[in-house]
C-alpha atoms as a PDB file:
ATOM      1  CA  MET A   1       4.013  17.579   0.718  1.00  0.00           C
ATOM      2  CA  THR A   2       0.591  16.622   2.051  1.00  0.00           C
ATOM      3  CA  ALA A   3      -1.175  13.259   2.012  1.00  0.00           C
ATOM      4  CA  ARG A   4      -3.455  12.878  -1.106  1.00  0.00           C
ATOM      5  CA  THR A   5      -5.848  10.247  -2.526  1.00  0.00           C
ATOM      6  CA  CYS A   6      -4.327   7.778  -4.937  1.00  0.00           C
ATOM      7  CA  PRO A   7      -5.745   8.731  -8.671  1.00  0.00           C
ATOM      8  CA  ASP A   8      -6.114   5.003  -9.057  1.00  0.00           C
ATOM      9  CA  TRP A   9      -8.639   4.716  -6.075  1.00  0.00           C
ATOM     10  CA  PRO A  10     -11.649   3.495  -8.208  1.00  0.00           C
ATOM     11  CA  ALA A  11      -9.631   0.432  -9.258  1.00  0.00           C
ATOM     12  CA  LEU A  12      -8.212  -0.084  -5.790  1.00  0.00           C
ATOM     13  CA  MET A  13     -11.804   0.047  -4.149  1.00  0.00           C
ATOM     14  CA  GLU A  14     -12.744  -2.821  -6.400  1.00  0.00           C
ATOM     15  CA  LEU A  15      -9.954  -4.898  -4.431  1.00  0.00           C
ATOM     16  CA  ASP A  16     -11.324  -3.783  -1.142  1.00  0.00           C
ATOM     17  CA  PRO A  17     -13.799  -0.954  -0.549  1.00  0.00           C
ATOM     18  CA  ASP A  18     -12.312  -0.437   2.937  1.00  0.00           C
ATOM     19  CA  LEU A  19      -8.864   0.444   1.854  1.00  0.00           C
ATOM     20  CA  GLN A  20      -8.023   4.307   1.576  1.00  0.00           C
ATOM     21  CA  PHE A  21      -4.876   4.596  -0.475  1.00  0.00           C
ATOM     22  CA  LYS A  22      -3.064   7.872  -0.316  1.00  0.00           C
ATOM     23  CA  HIS A  23       0.502   9.111  -1.494  1.00  0.00           C
ATOM     24  CA  TYR A  24       2.924   9.969   1.225  1.00  0.00           C
ATOM     25  CA  THR A  25       6.639  10.412   1.180  1.00  0.00           C
ATOM     26  CA  VAL A  26       8.325   7.359   2.929  1.00  0.00           C
ATOM     27  CA  ALA A  27       9.484   9.700   5.761  1.00  0.00           C
ATOM     28  CA  GLU A  28       5.757  10.899   6.342  1.00  0.00           C
ATOM     29  CA  ALA A  29       4.598   7.334   6.455  1.00  0.00           C
ATOM     30  CA  GLN A  30       6.937   6.300   9.233  1.00  0.00           C
ATOM     31  CA  LEU A  31       7.526   2.858   7.915  1.00  0.00           C
ATOM     32  CA  PRO A  32       8.942   0.126  10.055  1.00  0.00           C
ATOM     33  CA  ALA A  33      12.635   0.707  10.813  1.00  0.00           C
ATOM     34  CA  ASP A  34      13.525  -2.890  10.262  1.00  0.00           C
ATOM     35  CA  ALA A  35      12.171  -2.843   6.706  1.00  0.00           C
ATOM     36  CA  LEU A  36      13.790   0.600   5.930  1.00  0.00           C
ATOM     37  CA  ALA A  37      17.190  -0.787   7.120  1.00  0.00           C
ATOM     38  CA  THR A  38      17.629  -2.414   3.752  1.00  0.00           C
ATOM     39  CA  VAL A  39      16.922   0.693   1.784  1.00  0.00           C
ATOM     40  CA  SER A  40      19.939   2.420   0.599  1.00  0.00           C
ATOM     41  CA  HIS A  41      19.666   4.199  -2.697  1.00  0.00           C
ATOM     42  CA  VAL A  42      16.919   6.858  -1.824  1.00  0.00           C
ATOM     43  CA  SER A  43      16.258   9.676   0.462  1.00  0.00           C
ATOM     44  CA  LEU A  44      13.266   8.748   2.448  1.00  0.00           C
ATOM     45  CA  SER A  45      11.844  12.290   2.067  1.00  0.00           C
ATOM     46  CA  ASP A  46      12.263  12.121  -1.731  1.00  0.00           C
ATOM     47  CA  VAL A  47      10.293   8.871  -2.581  1.00  0.00           C
ATOM     48  CA  GLU A  48       6.694   8.163  -2.370  1.00  0.00           C
ATOM     49  CA  ILE A  49       4.629   5.285  -1.022  1.00  0.00           C
ATOM     50  CA  CYS A  50       0.951   4.693  -2.023  1.00  0.00           C
ATOM     51  CA  CYS A  51      -0.714   2.958   0.810  1.00  0.00           C
ATOM     52  CA  ASP A  52      -3.297   2.505   3.363  1.00  0.00           C
ATOM     53  CA  LEU A  53      -1.327   3.317   6.528  1.00  0.00           C
ATOM     54  CA  ASP A  54      -3.872   2.070   9.003  1.00  0.00           C
ATOM     55  CA  LYS A  55      -4.242  -1.438   7.380  1.00  0.00           C
ATOM     56  CA  HIS A  56      -0.489  -1.616   6.356  1.00  0.00           C
ATOM     57  CA  VAL A  57      -1.253  -2.264   2.695  1.00  0.00           C
ATOM     58  CA  PHE A  58       0.680  -0.686  -0.122  1.00  0.00           C
ATOM     59  CA  ASN A  59       0.102  -0.284  -3.879  1.00  0.00           C
ATOM     60  CA  PRO A  60       3.459  -1.259  -5.582  1.00  0.00           C
ATOM     61  CA  ALA A  61       2.482   0.446  -8.877  1.00  0.00           C
ATOM     62  CA  HIS A  62       2.750   3.754  -7.022  1.00  0.00           C
ATOM     63  CA  THR A  63       5.762   2.683  -4.618  1.00  0.00           C
ATOM     64  CA  ASP A  64       9.447   2.909  -5.170  1.00  0.00           C
ATOM     65  CA  PRO A  65      10.481  -0.622  -6.032  1.00  0.00           C
ATOM     66  CA  GLU A  66      13.236  -0.878  -3.381  1.00  0.00           C
ATOM     67  CA  ILE A  67      10.640   0.392  -0.767  1.00  0.00           C
ATOM     68  CA  ALA A  68       8.068  -2.110  -1.992  1.00  0.00           C
ATOM     69  CA  GLU A  69      10.600  -4.946  -1.689  1.00  0.00           C
ATOM     70  CA  ALA A  70      11.465  -4.010   1.790  1.00  0.00           C
ATOM     71  CA  LEU A  71       7.757  -3.861   2.816  1.00  0.00           C
ATOM     72  CA  ARG A  72       7.162  -7.231   1.329  1.00  0.00           C
ATOM     73  CA  ALA A  73       9.607  -8.699   3.982  1.00  0.00           C
ATOM     74  CA  SER A  74       7.766  -6.838   6.621  1.00  0.00           C
ATOM     75  CA  HIS A  75       4.186  -7.059   8.075  1.00  0.00           C
ATOM     76  CA  TRP A  76       2.849  -5.004   5.211  1.00  0.00           C
ATOM     77  CA  PHE A  77       0.884  -6.475   2.362  1.00  0.00           C
ATOM     78  CA  ASP A  78       0.985  -5.693  -1.363  1.00  0.00           C
ATOM     79  CA  VAL A  79      -2.396  -4.724  -2.294  1.00  0.00           C
ATOM     80  CA  HIS A  80      -2.625  -7.917  -4.699  1.00  0.00           C
ATOM     81  CA  GLU A  81      -1.623 -10.067  -1.956  1.00  0.00           C
ATOM     82  CA  TRP A  82      -4.041  -8.414   0.485  1.00  0.00           C
ATOM     83  CA  ALA A  83      -6.885  -8.969  -2.002  1.00  0.00           C
ATOM     84  CA  SER A  84      -5.973 -12.485  -3.191  1.00  0.00           C
ATOM     85  CA  SER A  85      -4.762 -14.283  -0.263  1.00  0.00           C
ATOM     86  CA  GLY A  86      -4.513 -11.890   2.693  1.00  0.00           C
ATOM     87  CA  PRO A  87      -7.093 -10.377   5.044  1.00  0.00           C
ATOM     88  CA  GLY A  88      -8.811  -8.570   2.191  1.00  0.00           C
ATOM     89  CA  ALA A  89      -9.513 -11.733   0.143  1.00  0.00           C
ATOM     90  CA  ASP A  90     -13.077 -11.978   1.743  1.00  0.00           C
ATOM     91  CA  ALA A  91     -13.709  -8.201   1.080  1.00  0.00           C
ATOM     92  CA  GLY A  92     -12.905  -8.329  -2.610  1.00  0.00           C
ATOM     93  CA  ALA A  93     -15.324 -11.336  -2.943  1.00  0.00           C
ATOM     94  CA  SER A  94     -18.002  -9.487  -1.020  1.00  0.00           C
ATOM     95  CA  ALA A  95     -17.703  -6.379  -3.200  1.00  0.00           C
ATOM     96  CA  SER A  96     -17.960  -8.612  -6.337  1.00  0.00           C
ATOM     97  CA  SER A  97     -20.969 -10.341  -5.102  1.00  0.00           C
ATOM     98  CA  ASN A  98     -22.695  -7.004  -4.171  1.00  0.00           C
ATOM     99  CA  ALA A  99     -22.042  -5.753  -7.513  1.00  0.00           C
ATOM    100  CA  ALA A 100     -23.816  -8.697  -9.262  1.00  0.00           C
END
């Protein structure tokens, strides 16, 4: 499987235009081992994660629920947390004011 742009990219760009969400298998994404240690029900090559690998932000709507929960306990951000209270909070406000 190759990485591909998330079909929800227009809505995700409204949260932070600097994020680039793509779909990967969890194995391709090479997520933190400590987070994946809690994952037991899936093969890492069979489930997808929708994320910006560089900024460590994931989209829970397109990510396996067990993977999403494991990432929340790590240094990764749920895109909604990123946009509301995380590092991307200012970017979303800037995008909104630029659109006005």
